[in-house]
Amino acid sequence: MRRPSLPRSRWSLQMLGALVVAASLVNVVLLVQGRSESSGNAARTAALEAAEARVPAMFSYRYVDLAADLAVAGSNTTGEFKTKYAKVLREVVLPNARKRKVSTQATVQAASVIRSTSSHAELLLFVNQATSTKTAEQPVTSATRIIVTMTKTSDGWFVSGLEPV
């Protein structure tokens, strides 16, 4: 009994070669896409973790250590926002906190990524802030929703924008 022979024409070999090349290209594309998604997920996670640490530091202070606490708050920002935020701290927060003896402690209750790239992220944070003053016996807690823009710098992820929702 004779076995059927495979066609050995030049056209068949070219088609086989083209299929091998196409399959290789698909594998490369899938590999690169997988790495890109992995890198994107890492950026999302890093931005989210940084925001959850930096935002409470920005909104927490005690009037007795106000200058040091506000310096820490400002160190969590970057870009043009850093200058604007420092001005608000200096012109609004500092005089009012000293005058009314305000202390506040902020905590992130929940956070989620709205959109992100490898160097920028927009996040939604739900923040509780417990505030005490010289006239209040018990701290008053308020809840805030904030859209936080994070920017990656050579030193990590920093807040580059805040927008109350």
Protein backbone atom coordinates (compact mmCIF):
# COMPACT_ATOMS: atom_id res chain seq x y z
CA MET A 1 0.00 0.00 0.00
CA ARG A 2 1.29 3.37 -1.00
CA ARG A 3 1.23 6.35 1.29
CA PRO A 4 -0.09 9.54 -0.20
CA SER A 5 2.75 11.93 -0.79
CA LEU A 6 2.65 15.52 0.40
CA PRO A 7 2.82 18.16 -2.27
CA ARG A 8 6.32 19.48 -2.53
CA SER A 9 5.78 22.34 -4.82
CA ARG A 10 7.45 25.65 -4.24
CA TRP A 11 4.06 27.30 -3.64
CA SER A 12 3.23 24.89 -0.80
CA LEU A 13 6.54 25.57 0.91
CA GLN A 14 6.03 29.32 0.61
CA MET A 15 2.56 29.04 2.14
CA LEU A 16 3.88 26.93 4.99
CA GLY A 17 6.65 29.48 5.60
CA ALA A 18 4.14 32.35 5.56
CA LEU A 19 1.94 30.55 8.10
CA VAL A 20 4.92 30.00 10.41
CA VAL A 21 5.90 33.68 10.15
CA ALA A 22 2.29 34.80 10.77
CA ALA A 23 1.99 32.54 13.82
CA SER A 24 5.28 33.90 15.17
CA LEU A 25 4.09 37.49 14.69
CA VAL A 26 0.83 36.75 16.51
CA ASN A 27 2.81 35.27 19.42
CA VAL A 28 5.07 38.34 19.58
CA VAL A 29 2.07 40.71 19.52
CA LEU A 30 0.34 38.76 22.28
CA LEU A 31 3.51 38.69 24.36
CA VAL A 32 4.06 42.46 24.01
CA GLN A 33 0.41 43.14 24.73
CA GLY A 34 0.58 40.97 27.83
CA ARG A 35 3.66 42.82 29.07
CA SER A 36 1.99 46.16 28.35
CA GLU A 37 -1.10 45.14 30.31
CA SER A 38 1.09 43.93 33.14
CA SER A 39 2.98 47.24 33.13
CA GLY A 40 -0.32 49.14 33.01
CA ASN A 41 -1.67 47.17 35.94
CA ALA A 42 1.50 47.86 37.91
CA ALA A 43 1.17 51.60 37.21
CA ARG A 44 -2.50 51.57 38.26
CA THR A 45 -1.64 49.78 41.48
CA ALA A 46 1.30 52.07 42.28
CA ALA A 47 -0.74 55.23 41.62
CA LEU A 48 -3.60 53.96 43.77
CA GLU A 49 -1.32 53.01 46.66
CA ALA A 50 0.46 56.37 46.49
CA ALA A 51 -2.84 58.29 46.50
CA GLU A 52 -4.12 56.29 49.48
CA ALA A 53 -0.96 57.28 51.40
CA ARG A 54 -0.49 60.86 50.16
CA VAL A 55 -4.03 62.26 50.33
CA PRO A 56 -4.52 61.59 54.07
CA ALA A 57 -1.13 63.24 54.72
CA MET A 58 -2.33 66.27 52.76
CA PHE A 59 -5.54 66.67 54.76
CA SER A 60 -4.31 65.76 58.23
CA TYR A 61 -2.72 68.28 60.57
CA ARG A 62 -2.63 69.46 64.17
CA TYR A 63 -2.58 73.14 65.00
CA VAL A 64 0.25 72.61 67.52
CA ASP A 65 2.54 71.15 64.79
CA LEU A 66 1.00 73.09 61.95
CA ALA A 67 4.11 74.30 60.10
CA ALA A 68 5.65 70.81 60.03
CA ASP A 69 2.36 69.12 59.11
CA LEU A 70 1.72 71.56 56.27
CA ALA A 71 5.26 71.03 54.96
CA VAL A 72 4.50 67.29 54.84
CA ALA A 73 1.21 68.01 53.10
CA GLY A 74 2.96 70.05 50.41
CA SER A 75 5.65 67.42 49.89
CA ASN A 76 3.00 65.06 48.52
CA THR A 77 2.31 67.24 45.48
CA THR A 78 4.02 67.96 42.16
CA GLY A 79 3.87 70.23 39.13
CA GLU A 80 1.83 73.43 38.95
CA PHE A 81 -0.51 72.01 41.57
CA LYS A 82 2.32 72.09 44.13
CA THR A 83 2.51 75.89 43.89
CA LYS A 84 -1.27 76.37 44.03
CA TYR A 85 -1.66 73.98 46.95
CA ALA A 86 1.17 75.66 48.91
CA LYS A 87 -0.56 79.03 48.44
CA VAL A 88 -3.86 77.67 49.82
CA LEU A 89 -2.06 76.11 52.78
CA ARG A 90 -0.19 79.34 53.54
CA GLU A 91 -3.03 81.82 52.96
CA VAL A 92 -6.12 79.90 54.07
CA VAL A 93 -5.38 76.79 56.12
CA LEU A 94 -2.52 78.11 58.27
CA PRO A 95 -4.22 81.27 59.62
CA ASN A 96 -7.59 79.60 60.16
CA ALA A 97 -6.16 76.49 61.79
CA ARG A 98 -4.09 78.55 64.21
CA LYS A 99 -6.93 80.93 65.01
CA ARG A 100 -9.52 78.21 65.63
CA LYS A 101 -7.02 75.61 66.95
CA VAL A 102 -8.03 73.08 64.33
CA SER A 103 -6.75 69.53 64.18
CA THR A 104 -7.92 67.12 61.54
CA GLN A 105 -7.30 63.48 60.70
CA ALA A 106 -8.13 62.21 57.21
CA THR A 107 -8.59 58.60 56.16
CA VAL A 108 -9.33 57.06 52.78
CA GLN A 109 -12.43 54.88 53.03
CA ALA A 110 -12.43 53.66 49.43
CA ALA A 111 -10.53 54.34 46.24
CA SER A 112 -10.77 53.37 42.60
CA VAL A 113 -8.91 54.08 39.37
CA ILE A 114 -10.95 55.99 36.81
CA ARG A 115 -8.28 55.93 34.09
CA SER A 116 -4.53 55.58 33.93
CA THR A 117 -1.46 55.48 31.77
CA SER A 118 2.09 54.57 32.72
CA SER A 119 2.72 58.14 34.00
CA HIS A 120 -0.69 59.62 34.90
CA ALA A 121 -3.73 58.36 36.75
CA GLU A 122 -7.11 59.75 37.67
CA LEU A 123 -8.63 58.26 40.81
CA LEU A 124 -11.81 58.60 42.82
CA LEU A 125 -11.23 58.67 46.58
CA PHE A 126 -13.80 58.65 49.36
CA VAL A 127 -12.18 60.47 52.29
CA ASN A 128 -13.41 60.90 55.84
CA GLN A 129 -12.03 63.80 57.82
CA ALA A 130 -12.42 64.03 61.60
CA THR A 131 -11.97 67.67 62.66
CA SER A 132 -11.72 69.10 66.15
CA THR A 133 -11.53 72.76 67.16
CA LYS A 134 -11.18 74.71 70.37
CA THR A 135 -14.98 75.04 70.55
CA ALA A 136 -15.96 71.43 69.73
CA GLU A 137 -15.73 68.79 72.45
CA GLN A 138 -15.91 65.88 70.01
CA PRO A 139 -14.41 65.71 66.54
CA VAL A 140 -16.85 66.25 63.71
CA THR A 141 -16.50 63.79 60.84
CA SER A 142 -17.22 64.81 57.28
CA ALA A 143 -17.14 62.68 54.15
CA THR A 144 -15.73 63.93 50.87
CA ARG A 145 -15.38 62.50 47.38
CA ILE A 146 -12.33 63.70 45.49
CA ILE A 147 -11.02 63.09 42.02
CA VAL A 148 -7.26 62.91 42.47
CA THR A 149 -4.82 63.25 39.58
CA MET A 150 -1.53 61.45 40.15
CA THR A 151 1.63 62.00 38.13
CA LYS A 152 4.63 59.71 38.11
CA THR A 153 7.96 61.46 38.67
CA SER A 154 11.46 60.09 39.07
CA ASP A 155 10.72 59.94 42.83
CA GLY A 156 7.38 58.12 42.54
CA TRP A 157 3.70 59.03 42.21
CA PHE A 158 2.59 62.45 43.48
CA VAL A 159 -0.68 64.38 43.58
CA SER A 160 -0.89 66.81 40.66
CA GLY A 161 -4.54 67.78 40.99
CA LEU A 162 -7.57 67.57 43.27
CA GLU A 163 -11.18 68.14 42.38
CA PRO A 164 -14.07 67.74 44.85
CA VAL A 165 -16.98 65.80 43.43
